[in-house]
Amino acid sequence: MDRLRALECFRKIAERGTFAAAARELNMTPGSMTKHINALEDQLGVQLIARTTRRMSLTEAGETYLARITGILDDMTDADETVRDLNDGPRGRVRIAAPMSFGIRQLSPMIAEMIDAYPELTIELELNDKVVDLVDEGFDIALRVSESLPNSSLIARRLCGYSRVLCASPAYIAKSPPLTRPEDLLHHNCFVYTNDSRPGFWTFVDGQHERSIQVKGRFYVNSSLAKRDALLQGCGITLTPRLVVDDLLQDGRLVSLLDDFAPRELGLYAICAPQRHKLRKIRTVIDFMVRKLRVNNDQSIR
C-alpha cells in the first residue's frame, strides 16, 4: 500500500463527502480509491468510514485520525512547495475565499490576469459572504471586509480601502420622510446586512465626529447583491459597498444620500495562516492583488 496516497485519499473523501467526488479531484477511479481506504483500515485495524448504499460518514476513529493526519499532510505539502520555490516560479493550487459581490465584480477579472501572468498557478475561488475558518476549511487565503481585525495568530495584510454609500431609488425617496441627517434613518425602512460585525449599526463621519445609528427595517439579508435587487424595487434604503451599485448610481436608477455625512470606510484584508504565508505562491497572489487594486482603484475600491 502507498501509505501517503492512502492518507490523501482518506482526507479528500472526508472533505468532499463522497468517494466519487474525491476520486475526480485526485484523478483516480472510485474503485482504486476504495482499495486504498480498505488497505488503510486493514492496517490500522479500525473502520474509518461508515459506508451504506446511500451515504457515508466518518466513524469516531475516522474523525480522530483525520484531525491527527491533517497537519502532517499540510506540513509535507508545505515542505515540498518551499523546496520547489527555491528554483521555480510560483506554482500549484491556491484556494481563496472571498465575499460574493467583490468576487464577482472585482476579483474574477483580476484572477484571469493572474493565471495568464503565472502559467503554473491554479486558483480555486469560493465566493461566500460568511466568515470562513482558514484551517478547518482548507483555504490558503481569505479576503475579508472589516473596520478592523481582531488580534489572532493569522497574518493579515490590508489590500486597500473599501468605500460604501448610503443609497435608495428616487421612487423610495419621493414617498418617504425627509432625510437630512443620520438620525432621520430611524424613520426609514433600512435593509440590514446580517454579516456585519454589528448588523444594523451604521457609522457616519461628520468632520471630526462620528455618529453611530442603530437602524431597523423589514429586510435582513446576508448578500449585498440581494440588497441591490431590493433597492431597485423602491421599498427601502441601505448602506452598501459602492462597487455593488456604482453603475446604478451613474445612470440614475439609484441616488446617494447624506453626502455630507460620509460612511466610515472599511478595509479589504487578505488573511492567511503563518505557515502558508511563507510559500511563494501565496505571497505572489497577495502581492498581485495589492498591485492591481491600488493601481486600478487609487488606494480605495469605490
C-alpha atoms as a PDB file:
ATOM      1  CA  MET A   1       0.000   0.000   0.000  1.00  0.00           C
ATOM      2  CA  ASP A   2       1.158   3.530  -0.813  1.00  0.00           C
ATOM      3  CA  ARG A   3       0.632   4.943   2.678  1.00  0.00           C
ATOM      4  CA  LEU A   4       0.853   8.607   1.691  1.00  0.00           C
ATOM      5  CA  ARG A   5      -1.581   8.121  -1.180  1.00  0.00           C
ATOM      6  CA  ALA A   6      -3.991   6.328   1.138  1.00  0.00           C
ATOM      7  CA  LEU A   7      -3.876   9.234   3.592  1.00  0.00           C
ATOM      8  CA  GLU A   8      -4.512  11.703   0.774  1.00  0.00           C
ATOM      9  CA  CYS A   9      -7.494   9.636  -0.358  1.00  0.00           C
ATOM     10  CA  PHE A  10      -8.921   9.484   3.146  1.00  0.00           C
ATOM     11  CA  ARG A  11      -8.607  13.221   3.678  1.00  0.00           C
ATOM     12  CA  LYS A  12     -10.129  14.070   0.310  1.00  0.00           C
ATOM     13  CA  ILE A  13     -13.104  11.772   0.922  1.00  0.00           C
ATOM     14  CA  ALA A  14     -13.708  13.490   4.256  1.00  0.00           C
ATOM     15  CA  GLU A  15     -13.552  16.914   2.576  1.00  0.00           C
ATOM     16  CA  ARG A  16     -15.727  16.132  -0.432  1.00  0.00           C
ATOM     17  CA  GLY A  17     -18.223  13.779   1.204  1.00  0.00           C
ATOM     18  CA  THR A  18     -18.225  11.011  -1.410  1.00  0.00           C
ATOM     19  CA  PHE A  19     -15.758   8.564  -2.936  1.00  0.00           C
ATOM     20  CA  ALA A  20     -16.751   9.671  -6.442  1.00  0.00           C
ATOM     21  CA  ALA A  21     -16.128  13.391  -5.834  1.00  0.00           C
ATOM     22  CA  ALA A  22     -12.812  12.684  -4.119  1.00  0.00           C
ATOM     23  CA  ALA A  23     -11.739  10.360  -6.926  1.00  0.00           C
ATOM     24  CA  ARG A  24     -12.462  13.008  -9.564  1.00  0.00           C
ATOM     25  CA  GLU A  25     -10.367  15.588  -7.758  1.00  0.00           C
ATOM     26  CA  LEU A  26      -7.433  13.216  -7.325  1.00  0.00           C
ATOM     27  CA  ASN A  27      -7.810  11.927 -10.896  1.00  0.00           C
ATOM     28  CA  MET A  28      -8.438   8.364  -9.706  1.00  0.00           C
ATOM     29  CA  THR A  29     -11.161   5.794 -10.189  1.00  0.00           C
ATOM     30  CA  PRO A  30     -13.591   5.189  -7.304  1.00  0.00           C
ATOM     31  CA  GLY A  31     -12.508   1.558  -7.291  1.00  0.00           C
ATOM     32  CA  SER A  32      -8.850   2.485  -6.823  1.00  0.00           C
ATOM     33  CA  MET A  33      -9.758   4.852  -4.031  1.00  0.00           C
ATOM     34  CA  THR A  34     -11.797   2.169  -2.282  1.00  0.00           C
ATOM     35  CA  LYS A  35      -8.806  -0.176  -2.387  1.00  0.00           C
ATOM     36  CA  HIS A  36      -6.609   2.447  -0.728  1.00  0.00           C
ATOM     37  CA  ILE A  37      -9.142   3.028   2.052  1.00  0.00           C
ATOM     38  CA  ASN A  38      -9.676  -0.686   2.615  1.00  0.00           C
ATOM     39  CA  ALA A  39      -5.920  -1.242   2.869  1.00  0.00           C
ATOM     40  CA  LEU A  40      -5.558   1.657   5.296  1.00  0.00           C
ATOM     41  CA  GLU A  41      -8.367   0.353   7.502  1.00  0.00           C
ATOM     42  CA  ASP A  42      -6.889  -3.163   7.433  1.00  0.00           C
ATOM     43  CA  GLN A  43      -3.506  -1.845   8.510  1.00  0.00           C
ATOM     44  CA  LEU A  44      -4.982   0.213  11.341  1.00  0.00           C
ATOM     45  CA  GLY A  45      -7.432  -2.474  12.381  1.00  0.00           C
ATOM     46  CA  VAL A  46     -10.331   0.012  12.632  1.00  0.00           C
ATOM     47  CA  GLN A  47     -13.113   1.281  10.402  1.00  0.00           C
ATOM     48  CA  LEU A  48     -12.531   4.891   9.403  1.00  0.00           C
ATOM     49  CA  ILE A  49     -15.515   5.407   7.109  1.00  0.00           C
ATOM     50  CA  ALA A  50     -19.012   4.002   7.593  1.00  0.00           C
ATOM     51  CA  ARG A  51     -20.489   3.281   4.165  1.00  0.00           C
ATOM     52  CA  THR A  52     -24.015   2.399   3.136  1.00  0.00           C
ATOM     53  CA  THR A  53     -25.645   2.328  -0.281  1.00  0.00           C
ATOM     54  CA  ARG A  54     -26.960   5.880   0.281  1.00  0.00           C
ATOM     55  CA  ARG A  55     -24.380   7.742   2.314  1.00  0.00           C
ATOM     56  CA  MET A  56     -21.019   7.690   4.033  1.00  0.00           C
ATOM     57  CA  SER A  57     -19.713   9.263   7.233  1.00  0.00           C
ATOM     58  CA  LEU A  58     -16.575   9.176   9.325  1.00  0.00           C
ATOM     59  CA  THR A  59     -16.589   6.936  12.349  1.00  0.00           C
ATOM     60  CA  GLU A  60     -15.359   8.244  15.680  1.00  0.00           C
ATOM     61  CA  ALA A  61     -11.981   6.667  14.891  1.00  0.00           C
ATOM     62  CA  GLY A  62     -12.078   8.309  11.472  1.00  0.00           C
ATOM     63  CA  GLU A  63     -12.732  11.756  12.960  1.00  0.00           C
ATOM     64  CA  THR A  64      -9.841  11.331  15.390  1.00  0.00           C
ATOM     65  CA  TYR A  65      -7.500  10.055  12.691  1.00  0.00           C
ATOM     66  CA  LEU A  66      -8.398  12.880  10.298  1.00  0.00           C
ATOM     67  CA  ALA A  67      -7.614  15.512  12.928  1.00  0.00           C
ATOM     68  CA  ARG A  68      -4.161  13.984  13.507  1.00  0.00           C
ATOM     69  CA  ILE A  69      -3.110  13.497   9.878  1.00  0.00           C
ATOM     70  CA  THR A  70      -4.344  16.848   8.517  1.00  0.00           C
ATOM     71  CA  GLY A  71      -1.460  18.817   9.989  1.00  0.00           C
ATOM     72  CA  ILE A  72       1.042  16.165   8.884  1.00  0.00           C
ATOM     73  CA  LEU A  73      -0.166  16.276   5.267  1.00  0.00           C
ATOM     74  CA  ASP A  74      -0.179  20.077   5.267  1.00  0.00           C
ATOM     75  CA  ASP A  75       3.365  20.161   6.612  1.00  0.00           C
ATOM     76  CA  MET A  76       4.535  17.751   3.917  1.00  0.00           C
ATOM     77  CA  THR A  77       2.892  19.842   1.197  1.00  0.00           C
ATOM     78  CA  ASP A  78       4.454  22.996   2.603  1.00  0.00           C
ATOM     79  CA  ALA A  79       7.886  21.356   2.715  1.00  0.00           C
ATOM     80  CA  ASP A  80       7.602  20.210  -0.908  1.00  0.00           C
ATOM     81  CA  GLU A  81       6.470  23.627  -2.133  1.00  0.00           C
ATOM     82  CA  THR A  82       9.097  25.508  -0.139  1.00  0.00           C
ATOM     83  CA  VAL A  83      11.870  23.455  -1.731  1.00  0.00           C
ATOM     84  CA  ARG A  84      10.404  23.868  -5.223  1.00  0.00           C
ATOM     85  CA  ASP A  85      10.180  27.634  -4.659  1.00  0.00           C
ATOM     86  CA  LEU A  86      13.958  27.802  -4.363  1.00  0.00           C
ATOM     87  CA  ASN A  87      14.338  27.170  -8.083  1.00  0.00           C
ATOM     88  CA  ASP A  88      10.925  27.589  -9.684  1.00  0.00           C
ATOM     89  CA  GLY A  89       8.405  30.396 -10.067  1.00  0.00           C
ATOM     90  CA  PRO A  90       5.082  30.346  -8.197  1.00  0.00           C
ATOM     91  CA  ARG A  91       3.209  27.152  -8.910  1.00  0.00           C
ATOM     92  CA  GLY A  92       0.463  24.944  -7.519  1.00  0.00           C
ATOM     93  CA  ARG A  93      -3.116  25.428  -6.310  1.00  0.00           C
ATOM     94  CA  VAL A  94      -4.207  28.400  -4.188  1.00  0.00           C
ATOM     95  CA  ARG A  95      -7.649  28.264  -2.543  1.00  0.00           C
ATOM     96  CA  ILE A  96      -9.201  31.683  -1.966  1.00  0.00           C
ATOM     97  CA  ALA A  97     -12.396  32.574  -0.093  1.00  0.00           C
ATOM     98  CA  ALA A  98     -13.876  35.978  -0.955  1.00  0.00           C
ATOM     99  CA  PRO A  99     -17.099  37.962  -0.463  1.00  0.00           C
ATOM    100  CA  MET A 100     -19.653  37.369  -3.199  1.00  0.00           C
ATOM    101  CA  SER A 101     -20.050  40.916  -4.521  1.00  0.00           C
ATOM    102  CA  PHE A 102     -16.327  41.726  -4.525  1.00  0.00           C
ATOM    103  CA  GLY A 103     -15.522  38.351  -6.077  1.00  0.00           C
ATOM    104  CA  ILE A 104     -17.920  38.816  -8.971  1.00  0.00           C
ATOM    105  CA  ARG A 105     -17.295  42.478  -9.735  1.00  0.00           C
ATOM    106  CA  GLN A 106     -13.569  42.846  -8.987  1.00  0.00           C
ATOM    107  CA  LEU A 107     -11.724  39.645  -8.184  1.00  0.00           C
ATOM    108  CA  SER A 108     -12.753  37.370 -11.064  1.00  0.00           C
ATOM    109  CA  PRO A 109     -11.255  39.614 -13.802  1.00  0.00           C
ATOM    110  CA  MET A 110      -8.148  40.021 -11.663  1.00  0.00           C
ATOM    111  CA  ILE A 111      -7.699  36.268 -11.365  1.00  0.00           C
ATOM    112  CA  ALA A 112      -7.953  35.913 -15.129  1.00  0.00           C
ATOM    113  CA  GLU A 113      -4.948  38.245 -15.417  1.00  0.00           C
ATOM    114  CA  MET A 114      -3.152  36.402 -12.633  1.00  0.00           C
ATOM    115  CA  ILE A 115      -3.332  32.957 -14.180  1.00  0.00           C
ATOM    116  CA  ASP A 116      -2.250  34.433 -17.507  1.00  0.00           C
ATOM    117  CA  ALA A 117       0.786  36.004 -15.836  1.00  0.00           C
ATOM    118  CA  TYR A 118       1.706  32.836 -13.881  1.00  0.00           C
ATOM    119  CA  PRO A 119       1.091  29.722 -16.024  1.00  0.00           C
ATOM    120  CA  GLU A 120       1.970  27.304 -13.201  1.00  0.00           C
ATOM    121  CA  LEU A 121      -0.626  28.696 -10.791  1.00  0.00           C
ATOM    122  CA  THR A 122      -4.111  27.238 -10.332  1.00  0.00           C
ATOM    123  CA  ILE A 123      -6.684  29.328  -8.464  1.00  0.00           C
ATOM    124  CA  GLU A 124      -9.696  27.803  -6.700  1.00  0.00           C
ATOM    125  CA  LEU A 125     -12.091  30.608  -5.759  1.00  0.00           C
ATOM    126  CA  GLU A 126     -15.064  30.186  -3.429  1.00  0.00           C
ATOM    127  CA  LEU A 127     -17.464  33.112  -3.180  1.00  0.00           C
ATOM    128  CA  ASN A 128     -19.398  33.324   0.055  1.00  0.00           C
ATOM    129  CA  ASP A 129     -20.216  36.186   2.404  1.00  0.00           C
ATOM    130  CA  LYS A 130     -19.722  34.090   5.531  1.00  0.00           C
ATOM    131  CA  VAL A 131     -16.511  34.234   7.579  1.00  0.00           C
ATOM    132  CA  VAL A 132     -14.620  31.026   6.802  1.00  0.00           C
ATOM    133  CA  ASP A 133     -12.226  29.129   9.035  1.00  0.00           C
ATOM    134  CA  LEU A 134      -8.967  29.062   7.084  1.00  0.00           C
ATOM    135  CA  VAL A 135      -7.538  25.947   8.700  1.00  0.00           C
ATOM    136  CA  ASP A 136     -10.641  23.813   9.147  1.00  0.00           C
ATOM    137  CA  GLU A 137     -11.990  24.590   5.670  1.00  0.00           C
ATOM    138  CA  GLY A 138      -8.656  24.304   3.885  1.00  0.00           C
ATOM    139  CA  PHE A 139      -8.287  27.810   2.438  1.00  0.00           C
ATOM    140  CA  ASP A 140      -4.920  29.399   1.713  1.00  0.00           C
ATOM    141  CA  ILE A 141      -6.227  32.976   1.649  1.00  0.00           C
ATOM    142  CA  ALA A 142      -9.436  34.591   2.889  1.00  0.00           C
ATOM    143  CA  LEU A 143     -10.460  38.096   1.850  1.00  0.00           C
ATOM    144  CA  ARG A 144     -12.417  39.965   4.491  1.00  0.00           C
ATOM    145  CA  VAL A 145     -14.033  43.387   4.625  1.00  0.00           C
ATOM    146  CA  SER A 146     -13.930  44.959   8.077  1.00  0.00           C
ATOM    147  CA  GLU A 147     -13.328  48.157  10.022  1.00  0.00           C
ATOM    148  CA  SER A 148     -10.534  46.343  11.861  1.00  0.00           C
ATOM    149  CA  LEU A 149      -9.492  42.777  12.501  1.00  0.00           C
ATOM    150  CA  PRO A 150      -9.286  41.088  15.901  1.00  0.00           C
ATOM    151  CA  ASN A 151      -5.907  40.023  17.183  1.00  0.00           C
ATOM    152  CA  SER A 152      -5.082  36.454  16.188  1.00  0.00           C
ATOM    153  CA  SER A 153      -2.232  34.228  15.099  1.00  0.00           C
ATOM    154  CA  LEU A 154      -3.215  34.749  11.454  1.00  0.00           C
ATOM    155  CA  ILE A 155      -1.305  37.081   9.156  1.00  0.00           C
ATOM    156  CA  ALA A 156      -3.405  39.929   7.736  1.00  0.00           C
ATOM    157  CA  ARG A 157      -2.469  42.401   5.012  1.00  0.00           C
ATOM    158  CA  ARG A 158      -4.595  45.406   4.157  1.00  0.00           C
ATOM    159  CA  LEU A 159      -5.120  45.434   0.411  1.00  0.00           C
ATOM    160  CA  CYS A 160      -6.999  48.716   0.062  1.00  0.00           C
ATOM    161  CA  GLY A 161      -9.861  50.795   1.368  1.00  0.00           C
ATOM    162  CA  TYR A 162     -13.444  49.713   0.756  1.00  0.00           C
ATOM    163  CA  SER A 163     -15.856  52.620   0.381  1.00  0.00           C
ATOM    164  CA  ARG A 164     -19.594  52.449   0.991  1.00  0.00           C
ATOM    165  CA  VAL A 165     -22.556  54.587   0.026  1.00  0.00           C
ATOM    166  CA  LEU A 166     -25.990  55.215   1.510  1.00  0.00           C
ATOM    167  CA  CYS A 167     -28.500  54.969  -1.319  1.00  0.00           C
ATOM    168  CA  ALA A 168     -32.070  54.338  -2.408  1.00  0.00           C
ATOM    169  CA  SER A 169     -34.191  54.648  -5.521  1.00  0.00           C
ATOM    170  CA  PRO A 170     -35.756  58.004  -6.497  1.00  0.00           C
ATOM    171  CA  ALA A 171     -39.185  56.376  -6.116  1.00  0.00           C
ATOM    172  CA  TYR A 172     -38.473  55.465  -2.495  1.00  0.00           C
ATOM    173  CA  ILE A 173     -37.181  58.942  -1.639  1.00  0.00           C
ATOM    174  CA  ALA A 174     -40.228  60.582  -3.227  1.00  0.00           C
ATOM    175  CA  LYS A 175     -42.653  58.732  -0.941  1.00  0.00           C
ATOM    176  CA  SER A 176     -40.588  58.674   2.278  1.00  0.00           C
ATOM    177  CA  PRO A 177     -39.918  61.072   5.184  1.00  0.00           C
ATOM    178  CA  PRO A 178     -37.186  63.727   4.746  1.00  0.00           C
ATOM    179  CA  LEU A 179     -33.611  62.542   5.191  1.00  0.00           C
ATOM    180  CA  THR A 180     -31.177  65.321   6.111  1.00  0.00           C
ATOM    181  CA  ARG A 181     -29.139  63.790   8.954  1.00  0.00           C
ATOM    182  CA  PRO A 182     -28.209  60.252  10.092  1.00  0.00           C
ATOM    183  CA  GLU A 183     -30.805  60.292  12.888  1.00  0.00           C
ATOM    184  CA  ASP A 184     -33.557  60.540  10.265  1.00  0.00           C
ATOM    185  CA  LEU A 185     -32.760  56.964   9.266  1.00  0.00           C
ATOM    186  CA  LEU A 186     -34.779  55.840  12.286  1.00  0.00           C
ATOM    187  CA  HIS A 187     -37.902  56.745  10.295  1.00  0.00           C
ATOM    188  CA  HIS A 188     -36.946  54.707   7.222  1.00  0.00           C
ATOM    189  CA  ASN A 189     -37.130  51.078   6.135  1.00  0.00           C
ATOM    190  CA  CYS A 190     -33.435  50.121   6.140  1.00  0.00           C
ATOM    191  CA  PHE A 191     -32.101  46.946   4.552  1.00  0.00           C
ATOM    192  CA  VAL A 192     -29.672  45.359   7.030  1.00  0.00           C
ATOM    193  CA  TYR A 193     -26.652  43.276   6.022  1.00  0.00           C
ATOM    194  CA  THR A 194     -26.537  40.458   8.568  1.00  0.00           C
ATOM    195  CA  ASN A 195     -22.865  39.512   8.081  1.00  0.00           C
ATOM    196  CA  ASP A 196     -21.650  42.824   9.524  1.00  0.00           C
ATOM    197  CA  SER A 197     -19.836  42.578  12.846  1.00  0.00           C
ATOM    198  CA  ARG A 198     -22.689  44.685  14.313  1.00  0.00           C
ATOM    199  CA  PRO A 199     -25.686  44.302  11.996  1.00  0.00           C
ATOM    200  CA  GLY A 200     -27.776  47.447  11.807  1.00  0.00           C
ATOM    201  CA  PHE A 201     -25.179  49.799  13.330  1.00  0.00           C
ATOM    202  CA  TRP A 202     -24.253  52.372  10.684  1.00  0.00           C
ATOM    203  CA  THR A 203     -21.478  54.871  11.417  1.00  0.00           C
ATOM    204  CA  PHE A 204     -21.117  58.222   9.658  1.00  0.00           C
ATOM    205  CA  VAL A 205     -18.279  60.734   9.841  1.00  0.00           C
ATOM    206  CA  ASP A 206     -19.204  64.408  10.289  1.00  0.00           C
ATOM    207  CA  GLY A 207     -15.959  66.360  10.237  1.00  0.00           C
ATOM    208  CA  GLN A 208     -14.038  65.159  13.298  1.00  0.00           C
ATOM    209  CA  HIS A 209     -17.060  63.435  14.824  1.00  0.00           C
ATOM    210  CA  GLU A 210     -18.679  60.069  14.267  1.00  0.00           C
ATOM    211  CA  ARG A 211     -22.331  59.194  14.604  1.00  0.00           C
ATOM    212  CA  SER A 212     -23.480  55.601  15.020  1.00  0.00           C
ATOM    213  CA  ILE A 213     -27.122  54.894  14.308  1.00  0.00           C
ATOM    214  CA  GLN A 214     -28.862  51.589  15.005  1.00  0.00           C
ATOM    215  CA  VAL A 215     -31.246  51.250  12.100  1.00  0.00           C
ATOM    216  CA  LYS A 216     -34.127  48.854  11.659  1.00  0.00           C
ATOM    217  CA  GLY A 217     -36.083  47.562   8.735  1.00  0.00           C
ATOM    218  CA  ARG A 218     -38.097  44.744   7.261  1.00  0.00           C
ATOM    219  CA  PHE A 219     -35.370  43.114   5.145  1.00  0.00           C
ATOM    220  CA  TYR A 220     -32.364  41.392   6.746  1.00  0.00           C
ATOM    221  CA  VAL A 221     -30.064  39.598   4.316  1.00  0.00           C
ATOM    222  CA  ASN A 222     -26.508  38.230   4.056  1.00  0.00           C
ATOM    223  CA  SER A 223     -25.905  39.314   0.451  1.00  0.00           C
ATOM    224  CA  SER A 224     -25.102  42.792  -0.873  1.00  0.00           C
ATOM    225  CA  LEU A 225     -26.246  41.669  -4.325  1.00  0.00           C
ATOM    226  CA  ALA A 226     -29.665  40.800  -2.900  1.00  0.00           C
ATOM    227  CA  LYS A 227     -29.888  44.281  -1.381  1.00  0.00           C
ATOM    228  CA  ARG A 228     -29.101  45.752  -4.811  1.00  0.00           C
ATOM    229  CA  ASP A 229     -32.114  43.995  -6.323  1.00  0.00           C
ATOM    230  CA  ALA A 230     -34.375  45.088  -3.455  1.00  0.00           C
ATOM    231  CA  LEU A 231     -33.271  48.718  -3.789  1.00  0.00           C
ATOM    232  CA  LEU A 232     -34.472  48.778  -7.379  1.00  0.00           C
ATOM    233  CA  GLN A 233     -37.971  47.827  -6.203  1.00  0.00           C
ATOM    234  CA  GLY A 234     -38.179  51.153  -4.375  1.00  0.00           C
ATOM    235  CA  CYS A 235     -39.073  49.778  -0.963  1.00  0.00           C
ATOM    236  CA  GLY A 236     -36.098  50.724   1.202  1.00  0.00           C
ATOM    237  CA  ILE A 237     -32.702  52.267   1.800  1.00  0.00           C
ATOM    238  CA  THR A 238     -29.339  50.712   2.587  1.00  0.00           C
ATOM    239  CA  LEU A 239     -25.642  51.235   3.247  1.00  0.00           C
ATOM    240  CA  THR A 240     -23.681  49.108   0.792  1.00  0.00           C
ATOM    241  CA  PRO A 241     -20.276  48.771  -0.901  1.00  0.00           C
ATOM    242  CA  ARG A 242     -20.099  51.332  -3.692  1.00  0.00           C
ATOM    243  CA  LEU A 243     -18.826  48.751  -6.180  1.00  0.00           C
ATOM    244  CA  VAL A 244     -22.158  46.902  -5.881  1.00  0.00           C
ATOM    245  CA  VAL A 245     -24.277  49.853  -7.001  1.00  0.00           C
ATOM    246  CA  ASP A 246     -21.894  52.203  -8.821  1.00  0.00           C
ATOM    247  CA  ASP A 247     -23.472  51.576 -12.234  1.00  0.00           C
ATOM    248  CA  LEU A 248     -26.964  52.206 -10.834  1.00  0.00           C
ATOM    249  CA  LEU A 249     -25.816  55.492  -9.292  1.00  0.00           C
ATOM    250  CA  GLN A 250     -24.283  56.605 -12.565  1.00  0.00           C
ATOM    251  CA  ASP A 251     -27.421  56.008 -14.624  1.00  0.00           C
ATOM    252  CA  GLY A 252     -29.772  57.467 -12.020  1.00  0.00           C
ATOM    253  CA  ARG A 253     -31.646  54.344 -11.027  1.00  0.00           C
ATOM    254  CA  LEU A 254     -30.316  54.907  -7.508  1.00  0.00           C
ATOM    255  CA  VAL A 255     -29.262  58.127  -5.756  1.00  0.00           C
ATOM    256  CA  SER A 256     -26.696  58.645  -2.992  1.00  0.00           C
ATOM    257  CA  LEU A 257     -27.931  60.168   0.264  1.00  0.00           C
ATOM    258  CA  LEU A 258     -26.486  62.148   3.184  1.00  0.00           C
ATOM    259  CA  ASP A 259     -23.442  63.052   1.099  1.00  0.00           C
ATOM    260  CA  ASP A 260     -22.259  65.443   3.830  1.00  0.00           C
ATOM    261  CA  PHE A 261     -22.032  62.526   6.262  1.00  0.00           C
ATOM    262  CA  ALA A 262     -19.541  60.016   4.867  1.00  0.00           C
ATOM    263  CA  PRO A 263     -19.971  56.377   5.923  1.00  0.00           C
ATOM    264  CA  ARG A 264     -16.908  55.098   7.745  1.00  0.00           C
ATOM    265  CA  GLU A 265     -14.609  53.435   5.226  1.00  0.00           C
ATOM    266  CA  LEU A 266     -13.825  49.776   5.711  1.00  0.00           C
ATOM    267  CA  GLY A 267     -10.676  47.902   4.760  1.00  0.00           C
ATOM    268  CA  LEU A 268     -10.223  44.897   2.492  1.00  0.00           C
ATOM    269  CA  TYR A 269      -7.788  42.427   4.045  1.00  0.00           C
ATOM    270  CA  ALA A 270      -6.056  39.277   2.841  1.00  0.00           C
ATOM    271  CA  ILE A 271      -5.664  36.762   5.670  1.00  0.00           C
ATOM    272  CA  CYS A 272      -3.623  33.566   5.762  1.00  0.00           C
ATOM    273  CA  ALA A 273      -2.032  31.211   8.259  1.00  0.00           C
ATOM    274  CA  PRO A 274       1.630  31.945   9.130  1.00  0.00           C
ATOM    275  CA  GLN A 275       2.935  28.684   7.687  1.00  0.00           C
ATOM    276  CA  ARG A 276       1.102  29.277   4.399  1.00  0.00           C
ATOM    277  CA  HIS A 277       2.353  32.857   4.093  1.00  0.00           C
ATOM    278  CA  LYS A 278       5.895  31.506   3.792  1.00  0.00           C
ATOM    279  CA  LEU A 279       5.035  29.903   0.460  1.00  0.00           C
ATOM    280  CA  ARG A 280       5.978  31.813  -2.635  1.00  0.00           C
ATOM    281  CA  LYS A 281       2.694  31.108  -4.398  1.00  0.00           C
ATOM    282  CA  ILE A 282       0.709  32.663  -1.525  1.00  0.00           C
ATOM    283  CA  ARG A 283       2.870  35.776  -1.359  1.00  0.00           C
ATOM    284  CA  THR A 284       2.716  36.112  -5.159  1.00  0.00           C
ATOM    285  CA  VAL A 285      -1.098  36.027  -5.191  1.00  0.00           C
ATOM    286  CA  ILE A 286      -1.411  38.584  -2.390  1.00  0.00           C
ATOM    287  CA  ASP A 287       1.204  40.894  -3.941  1.00  0.00           C
ATOM    288  CA  PHE A 288      -0.599  40.718  -7.290  1.00  0.00           C
ATOM    289  CA  MET A 289      -3.909  41.712  -5.694  1.00  0.00           C
ATOM    290  CA  VAL A 290      -2.273  44.617  -3.883  1.00  0.00           C
ATOM    291  CA  ARG A 291      -0.766  45.957  -7.109  1.00  0.00           C
ATOM    292  CA  LYS A 292      -3.954  45.627  -9.148  1.00  0.00           C
ATOM    293  CA  LEU A 293      -6.281  47.046  -6.514  1.00  0.00           C
ATOM    294  CA  ARG A 294      -4.128  50.050  -5.699  1.00  0.00           C
ATOM    295  CA  VAL A 295      -3.383  50.903  -9.327  1.00  0.00           C
ATOM    296  CA  ASN A 296      -6.918  50.378 -10.617  1.00  0.00           C
ATOM    297  CA  ASN A 297      -8.769  51.885  -7.671  1.00  0.00           C
ATOM    298  CA  ASP A 298      -6.460  54.667  -6.440  1.00  0.00           C
ATOM    299  CA  GLN A 299      -5.997  53.131  -2.992  1.00  0.00           C
ATOM    300  CA  SER A 300      -9.714  52.528  -2.410  1.00  0.00           C
ATOM    301  CA  ILE A 301     -12.429  50.414  -4.001  1.00  0.00           C
ATOM    302  CA  ARG A 302     -15.219  52.721  -4.994  1.00  0.00           C
END
